[in-house]
Protein backbone atom coordinates (compact mmCIF):
# COMPACT_ATOMS: atom_id res chain seq x y z
CA UNK A 1 20.15 -2.62 17.85
CA UNK A 2 17.24 -0.51 19.15
CA UNK A 3 13.69 0.25 18.04
CA UNK A 4 14.80 3.76 17.09
CA UNK A 5 17.05 2.24 14.41
CA UNK A 6 13.94 1.40 12.35
CA UNK A 7 11.22 3.48 10.74
CA UNK A 8 9.29 0.46 9.49
CA UNK A 9 7.61 -2.15 11.71
CA UNK A 10 5.32 -5.09 11.10
CA UNK A 11 3.14 -6.12 14.05
CA UNK A 12 2.09 -9.69 14.78
CA UNK A 13 1.06 -11.96 17.66
CA UNK A 14 2.67 -15.31 18.31
CA UNK A 15 0.36 -18.19 17.41
CA UNK A 16 0.08 -21.46 19.32
CA UNK A 17 1.44 -23.45 16.37
CA UNK A 18 4.70 -21.43 16.51
CA UNK A 19 5.60 -22.50 20.05
CA UNK A 20 7.85 -25.54 20.59
CA UNK A 21 8.09 -28.11 23.39
CA UNK A 22 10.01 -25.59 25.50
CA UNK A 23 6.92 -23.32 25.33
CA UNK A 24 8.84 -20.66 23.44
CA UNK A 25 8.80 -19.71 19.74
CA UNK A 26 10.63 -22.33 17.68
CA UNK A 27 13.85 -20.77 16.41
CA UNK A 28 13.08 -21.17 12.68
CA UNK A 29 9.88 -19.13 12.96
CA UNK A 30 11.83 -15.93 13.57
CA UNK A 31 13.11 -16.08 10.01
CA UNK A 32 9.52 -16.49 8.86
CA UNK A 33 8.62 -13.38 10.89
CA UNK A 34 11.27 -11.37 9.05
CA UNK A 35 10.06 -12.70 5.72
CA UNK A 36 6.47 -11.78 6.62
CA UNK A 37 7.61 -8.28 7.49
CA UNK A 38 9.32 -8.05 4.10
CA UNK A 39 5.92 -8.32 2.40
CA UNK A 40 4.69 -5.33 4.39
CA UNK A 41 7.92 -3.46 3.64
CA UNK A 42 7.16 -3.68 -0.08
CA UNK A 43 3.65 -2.39 0.64
CA UNK A 44 5.21 0.59 2.43
CA UNK A 45 7.29 1.24 -0.69
CA UNK A 46 4.05 1.22 -2.76
CA UNK A 47 5.51 -1.53 -4.91
CA UNK A 48 3.35 -4.58 -5.68
CA UNK A 49 6.17 -7.10 -5.64
CA UNK A 50 5.55 -9.36 -8.64
CA UNK A 51 4.48 -6.58 -11.01
CA UNK A 52 7.40 -4.45 -9.90
CA UNK A 53 9.93 -7.19 -10.56
CA UNK A 54 8.58 -7.62 -14.09
CA UNK A 55 8.98 -3.89 -14.72
CA UNK A 56 12.48 -3.94 -13.22
CA UNK A 57 13.53 -6.88 -15.38
CA UNK A 58 14.69 -9.19 -12.62
CA UNK A 59 13.91 -10.67 -9.23
CA UNK A 60 15.37 -10.82 -5.73
CA UNK A 61 16.90 -14.05 -4.45
CA UNK A 62 18.00 -14.74 -0.89
CA UNK A 63 21.72 -15.47 -0.77
CA UNK A 64 22.24 -15.59 2.98
CA UNK A 65 20.16 -15.34 6.15
CA UNK A 66 21.59 -14.99 9.65
CA UNK A 67 19.85 -14.73 13.02
CA UNK A 68 21.17 -13.93 16.47
CA UNK A 69 19.03 -14.88 19.46
CA UNK A 70 18.96 -12.63 22.52
CA UNK A 71 15.74 -13.68 24.29
CA UNK A 72 12.65 -15.77 23.60
CA UNK A 73 9.14 -14.91 22.52
CA UNK A 74 6.21 -16.84 23.95
CA UNK A 75 2.68 -17.70 22.94
CA UNK A 76 0.42 -14.67 22.44
CA UNK A 77 3.25 -12.15 22.73
CA UNK A 78 2.78 -9.08 20.56
CA UNK A 79 5.91 -8.61 18.50
CA UNK A 80 7.09 -5.72 16.35
CA UNK A 81 9.43 -6.67 13.53
CA UNK A 82 11.63 -3.81 12.42
CA UNK A 83 13.16 -3.93 8.96
CA UNK A 84 15.48 -1.61 7.09
CA UNK A 85 17.52 -1.63 3.90
CA UNK A 86 21.01 -1.17 5.28
CA UNK A 87 23.17 -1.38 2.15
CA UNK A 88 22.83 -1.66 -1.61
CA UNK A 89 25.80 -2.92 -3.58
CA UNK A 90 26.20 -3.53 -7.29
CA UNK A 91 23.81 -6.47 -7.41
CA UNK A 92 23.19 -7.16 -3.71
CA UNK A 93 20.94 -5.69 -1.03
CA UNK A 94 21.35 -6.16 2.72
CA UNK A 95 18.35 -5.87 5.01
CA UNK A 96 18.69 -5.74 8.78
CA UNK A 97 15.88 -6.85 11.04
CA UNK A 98 15.05 -6.61 14.71
CA UNK A 99 12.27 -8.52 16.46
CA UNK A 100 11.08 -6.67 19.54
CA UNK A 101 8.69 -7.29 22.41
CA UNK A 102 8.12 -3.78 23.66
CA UNK A 103 11.58 -2.23 23.74
CA UNK A 104 13.29 -5.58 24.32
CA UNK A 105 15.26 -6.95 21.37
CA UNK A 106 14.58 -10.68 21.11
CA UNK A 107 16.22 -11.54 17.80
CA UNK A 108 18.36 -9.64 15.32
CA UNK A 109 18.93 -10.75 11.77
CA UNK A 110 20.39 -9.96 8.38
CA UNK A 111 19.05 -10.93 4.97
CA UNK A 112 21.32 -10.74 1.93
CA UNK A 113 19.49 -10.60 -1.41
CA UNK A 114 20.88 -10.67 -4.94
CA UNK A 115 19.07 -9.04 -7.85
CA UNK A 116 19.19 -11.49 -10.74
CA UNK A 117 17.74 -12.57 -14.06
CA UNK A 118 14.71 -14.77 -13.24
CA UNK A 119 15.47 -17.23 -16.05
CA UNK A 120 19.20 -17.79 -15.68
CA UNK A 121 19.38 -16.59 -12.05
CA UNK A 122 22.60 -14.77 -12.89
CA UNK A 123 23.13 -11.52 -11.04
CA UNK A 124 22.25 -8.14 -12.50
CA UNK A 125 22.95 -4.60 -11.27
CA UNK A 126 20.32 -3.31 -8.88
CA UNK A 127 18.11 -0.96 -10.95
CA UNK A 128 18.41 2.74 -10.19
CA UNK A 129 14.68 2.98 -9.42
CA UNK A 130 15.04 0.34 -6.71
CA UNK A 131 18.06 2.11 -5.22
CA UNK A 132 16.08 5.34 -5.27
CA UNK A 133 13.03 4.00 -3.48
CA UNK A 134 15.09 2.30 -0.76
CA UNK A 135 17.04 5.50 -0.14
CA UNK A 136 13.94 7.70 -0.12
CA UNK A 137 12.00 5.46 2.22
CA UNK A 138 14.82 5.01 4.73
CA UNK A 139 15.38 8.78 4.71
CA UNK A 140 11.72 9.35 5.56
CA UNK A 141 10.90 10.81 2.16
CA UNK A 142 7.75 10.18 0.12
CA UNK A 143 7.88 7.17 -2.19
CA UNK A 144 4.75 8.12 -4.14
CA UNK A 145 3.51 11.16 -6.01
CA UNK A 146 -0.10 12.35 -6.14
CA UNK A 147 -1.33 14.19 -9.21
CA UNK A 148 -4.63 15.68 -10.33
CA UNK A 149 -5.51 15.90 -14.00
CA UNK A 150 -7.75 14.84 -16.85
CA UNK A 151 -8.63 11.50 -18.36
CA UNK A 152 -6.42 12.31 -21.34
CA UNK A 153 -3.49 12.61 -18.90
CA UNK A 154 -4.01 9.41 -16.95
CA UNK A 155 -6.71 7.29 -18.57
CA UNK A 156 -4.45 4.65 -20.09
CA UNK A 157 -2.79 4.09 -16.71
CA UNK A 158 -5.98 4.22 -14.64
CA UNK A 159 -7.72 1.65 -16.85
CA UNK A 160 -5.67 -1.43 -15.75
CA UNK A 161 -6.19 -0.56 -12.08
CA UNK A 162 -9.93 -0.07 -12.45
CA UNK A 163 -10.27 -3.31 -14.37
CA UNK A 164 -8.32 -5.24 -11.73
CA UNK A 165 -10.33 -3.81 -8.81
CA UNK A 166 -13.86 -3.50 -10.15
CA UNK A 167 -14.11 -6.06 -12.95
CA UNK A 168 -11.73 -8.84 -11.91
CA UNK A 169 -11.96 -8.54 -8.13
CA UNK A 170 -15.52 -7.32 -7.54
CA UNK A 171 -17.13 -8.81 -10.68
CA UNK A 172 -18.76 -5.51 -11.69
CA UNK A 173 -19.78 -5.28 -15.34
CA UNK A 174 -17.38 -3.26 -17.49
CA UNK A 175 -20.25 -1.11 -18.77
CA UNK A 176 -20.63 0.24 -15.21
CA UNK A 177 -16.94 0.94 -14.70
CA UNK A 178 -16.35 3.39 -17.55
CA UNK A 179 -18.74 6.05 -18.84
CA UNK A 180 -18.78 9.36 -20.70
CA UNK A 181 -18.29 11.28 -17.42
CA UNK A 182 -14.62 10.24 -17.36
CA UNK A 183 -13.85 12.72 -20.15
CA UNK A 184 -14.95 15.74 -18.10
CA UNK A 185 -14.11 14.48 -14.61
CA UNK A 186 -11.22 15.54 -12.41
CA UNK A 187 -9.00 12.52 -11.83
CA UNK A 188 -6.55 12.02 -8.96
CA UNK A 189 -3.86 9.36 -9.14
CA UNK A 190 -1.07 8.10 -6.93
CA UNK A 191 1.90 6.61 -8.72
CA UNK A 192 5.02 4.93 -7.40
CA UNK A 193 8.66 5.27 -8.39
CA UNK A 194 8.11 2.93 -11.34
CA UNK A 195 5.32 5.10 -12.71
CA UNK A 196 2.58 2.59 -11.87
CA UNK A 197 -0.78 4.13 -10.95
CA UNK A 198 -1.47 2.33 -7.67
CA UNK A 199 -4.53 4.32 -6.55
CA UNK A 200 -7.03 6.53 -8.35
CA UNK A 201 -10.40 8.22 -8.10
CA UNK A 202 -12.48 10.77 -9.95
CA UNK A 203 -14.71 13.75 -9.20
CA UNK A 204 -17.68 14.93 -11.29
CA UNK A 205 -20.19 17.75 -10.91
CA UNK A 206 -23.31 16.38 -9.21
CA UNK A 207 -25.12 19.76 -8.99
CA UNK A 208 -24.20 23.42 -8.68
CA UNK A 209 -21.62 23.62 -5.90
CA UNK A 210 -21.77 19.87 -5.25
CA UNK A 211 -18.96 17.52 -6.24
CA UNK A 212 -19.33 13.75 -6.42
CA UNK A 213 -16.37 11.46 -5.86
CA UNK A 214 -16.34 7.96 -7.28
CA UNK A 215 -14.35 5.16 -8.90
CA UNK A 216 -12.04 5.03 -5.86
CA UNK A 217 -9.60 2.20 -6.41
CA UNK A 218 -6.39 1.04 -4.73
CA UNK A 219 -4.17 -1.81 -5.86
CA UNK A 220 -5.22 -4.90 -3.92
CA UNK A 221 -1.73 -5.65 -2.60
CA UNK A 222 -1.20 -2.09 -1.35
CA UNK A 223 -4.38 -1.48 0.63
CA UNK A 224 -4.00 -0.23 4.16
CA UNK A 225 -1.01 1.91 3.27
CA UNK A 226 -2.84 5.24 3.01
CA UNK A 227 -2.84 5.51 -0.78
CA UNK A 228 -6.62 5.85 -1.01
CA UNK A 229 -6.43 8.65 1.54
CA UNK A 230 -4.04 10.56 -0.72
CA UNK A 231 -6.54 10.28 -3.59
CA UNK A 232 -9.52 11.33 -1.45
CA UNK A 233 -7.76 14.35 0.01
CA UNK A 234 -6.53 15.45 -3.41
CA UNK A 235 -10.07 15.35 -4.80
CA UNK A 236 -11.57 17.16 -1.80
CA UNK A 237 -8.92 19.85 -2.16
CA UNK A 238 -9.74 20.18 -5.86
CA UNK A 239 -13.41 20.64 -4.94
CA UNK A 240 -12.48 23.39 -2.47
CA UNK A 241 -10.33 25.14 -5.05
CA UNK A 242 -13.16 25.35 -7.57
CA UNK A 243 -15.55 26.69 -4.91
CA UNK A 244 -17.76 23.69 -4.21
CA UNK A 245 -19.64 23.69 -0.91
CA UNK A 246 -20.22 19.95 -0.61
CA UNK A 247 -18.61 16.69 -1.61
CA UNK A 248 -20.77 13.57 -1.75
CA UNK A 249 -20.19 9.97 -2.72
CA UNK A 250 -21.66 6.49 -2.70
CA UNK A 251 -19.42 4.45 -0.42
CA UNK A 252 -19.33 0.69 -0.41
CA UNK A 253 -20.51 -0.18 3.11
CA UNK A 254 -17.24 -2.00 3.80
CA UNK A 255 -15.42 1.33 3.34
CA UNK A 256 -17.68 3.53 5.49
CA UNK A 257 -15.11 3.83 8.26
CA UNK A 258 -12.55 5.16 5.81
CA UNK A 259 -14.80 8.09 4.85
CA UNK A 260 -16.10 8.70 8.38
CA UNK A 261 -12.50 9.22 9.43
CA UNK A 262 -12.23 12.07 6.92
CA UNK A 263 -15.35 13.86 8.20
CA UNK A 264 -17.96 12.44 5.83
CA UNK A 265 -21.40 11.74 7.32
CA UNK A 266 -23.98 9.13 6.36
CA UNK A 267 -27.03 10.37 4.49
CA UNK A 268 -30.11 8.27 3.80
CA UNK A 269 -30.49 4.51 3.87
CA UNK A 270 -28.25 1.75 2.61
CA UNK A 271 -28.95 0.80 -1.01
CA UNK A 272 -27.62 -1.70 -3.53
CA UNK A 273 -25.62 -0.52 -6.53
CA UNK A 274 -23.94 -2.90 -8.98
CA UNK A 275 -24.89 -5.73 -6.64
CA UNK A 276 -22.96 -4.20 -3.70
CA UNK A 277 -24.38 -2.50 -0.58
CA UNK A 278 -23.66 1.25 -0.58
CA UNK A 279 -24.19 4.20 1.72
CA UNK A 280 -24.48 7.80 0.53
CA UNK A 281 -22.12 10.06 2.44
CA UNK A 282 -21.43 13.78 2.33
CA UNK A 283 -18.84 16.28 3.51
CA UNK A 284 -19.72 19.97 3.92
CA UNK A 285 -16.84 22.23 2.89
CA UNK A 286 -16.10 25.34 4.87
CA UNK A 287 -16.88 28.56 3.05
């Protein structure tokens, strides 16, 4: 097993509490490392686990876990945990894992899951959508689709995401989350293989030749996976296509770095909007 066998890695550093009396990582923690990586693997698939299982009509249960030890990790080592879906049977899924320090394989493992009814815990066939996303991801193919359209196209699927992010998570009043501008705005959405909208944003006309992006939202469990970037780039491209010369937005200060990385520049002073500190930012579009 080599690093090149994996396209997905989860990075972590060994904590003091994970080292045993021999001053090496206690053997049982390696299984925890693989399980931790599994959470990130689902994020890479753009599938919020619990919601996805409800839509798929089942759940995944560990049937068997095996580990083979080749060398030891020590306190403060940086480890990279590789994970891949190796096989999908009728109702079972086999994941192979490799725990590396640099290019050195420390531990290899295999996790056997069974897809089953969550009530009776009797096995069920692995849904086609799950087979599809595993195959696409391991082949290096996209597991999401980005679309641009109107509120009439996507509104009923954007609404739950907005409510979860802005109302439930950030405690913003609902009257500030939806307005009449939605009807005429350009909306960009990212959806996964189950059809869930997992990221969205909108663009309105601020002034002649100036577009304003807002309502940027990404599912809480999937942040850090680049989904918001897909939305932002889709909206900027839509602004270019209609001939706008500038795109501006009001960024929450915690997200400034995200927009700076895409070429946006700060403009003006920090201000408070909906009880949250914001910074106006702008991107000049090439003629």
